[in-house]
Amino acid sequence: MREDVQLIQLALECQGHDVGGDDGLIGFRTRIEVGKWQAQNGRAVTCMPDGGPAEGLR
């Protein structure tokens, strides 16, 4: 799980999102940036890197 979150963080960083580092932890900044990514991509904004965002970012 932590490795999956780290991959999502790296993908978000590559797209210009500031997740606060790629530590593999779902912290405040990661959740905020996941929510921004979800909104930009027409997805339900949950701010959690669940199956949808995880698959979309890989």
Protein backbone atom coordinates (compact mmCIF):
# COMPACT_ATOMS: atom_id res chain seq x y z
CA MET A 1 0.00 0.00 0.00
CA ARG A 2 2.71 2.49 0.92
CA GLU A 3 4.51 1.81 -2.36
CA ASP A 4 1.26 2.45 -4.26
CA VAL A 5 0.79 5.79 -2.53
CA GLN A 6 4.39 6.70 -3.29
CA LEU A 7 3.82 5.99 -6.99
CA ILE A 8 0.73 8.18 -6.94
CA GLN A 9 2.70 10.95 -5.23
CA LEU A 10 5.45 10.72 -7.85
CA ALA A 11 2.89 10.85 -10.68
CA LEU A 12 1.21 13.89 -9.13
CA GLU A 13 4.57 15.62 -8.68
CA CYS A 14 5.37 15.00 -12.36
CA GLN A 15 2.14 16.80 -13.20
CA GLY A 16 3.11 19.81 -11.09
CA HIS A 17 1.21 19.00 -7.90
CA ASP A 18 2.87 19.72 -4.55
CA VAL A 19 2.22 16.63 -2.42
CA GLY A 20 4.90 17.51 0.12
CA GLY A 21 7.27 14.72 -0.92
CA ASP A 22 6.99 11.12 -2.00
CA ASP A 23 7.04 9.40 1.38
CA GLY A 24 4.22 6.95 0.69
CA LEU A 25 2.02 8.42 3.42
CA ILE A 26 -1.46 9.80 2.73
CA GLY A 27 -1.01 13.13 4.44
CA PHE A 28 -2.89 16.40 4.18
CA ARG A 29 -1.02 17.73 1.15
CA THR A 30 -1.33 14.44 -0.73
CA ARG A 31 -5.08 14.33 -0.10
CA ILE A 32 -5.52 17.94 -1.22
CA GLU A 33 -3.60 17.32 -4.45
CA VAL A 34 -5.45 14.05 -5.12
CA GLY A 35 -8.68 16.02 -4.77
CA LYS A 36 -7.45 18.65 -7.22
CA TRP A 37 -6.45 15.93 -9.69
CA GLN A 38 -9.86 14.26 -9.31
CA ALA A 39 -11.67 17.56 -9.98
CA GLN A 40 -9.50 18.31 -13.02
CA ASN A 41 -10.25 14.89 -14.46
CA GLY A 42 -14.02 14.87 -13.93
CA ARG A 43 -13.98 12.35 -11.10
CA ALA A 44 -15.80 12.38 -7.80
CA VAL A 45 -13.68 14.41 -5.38
CA THR A 46 -12.93 12.18 -2.40
CA CYS A 47 -9.36 13.41 -1.76
CA MET A 48 -8.36 9.79 -1.19
CA PRO A 49 -6.13 7.88 -3.62
CA ASP A 50 -8.54 4.98 -4.07
CA GLY A 51 -8.83 2.70 -7.11
CA GLY A 52 -9.95 5.45 -9.50
CA PRO A 53 -7.14 7.97 -8.98
CA ALA A 54 -4.58 5.24 -8.52
CA GLU A 55 -5.40 3.67 -11.88
CA GLY A 56 -5.73 7.04 -13.65
CA LEU A 57 -2.32 8.24 -12.50
CA ARG A 58 -0.34 5.12 -13.37
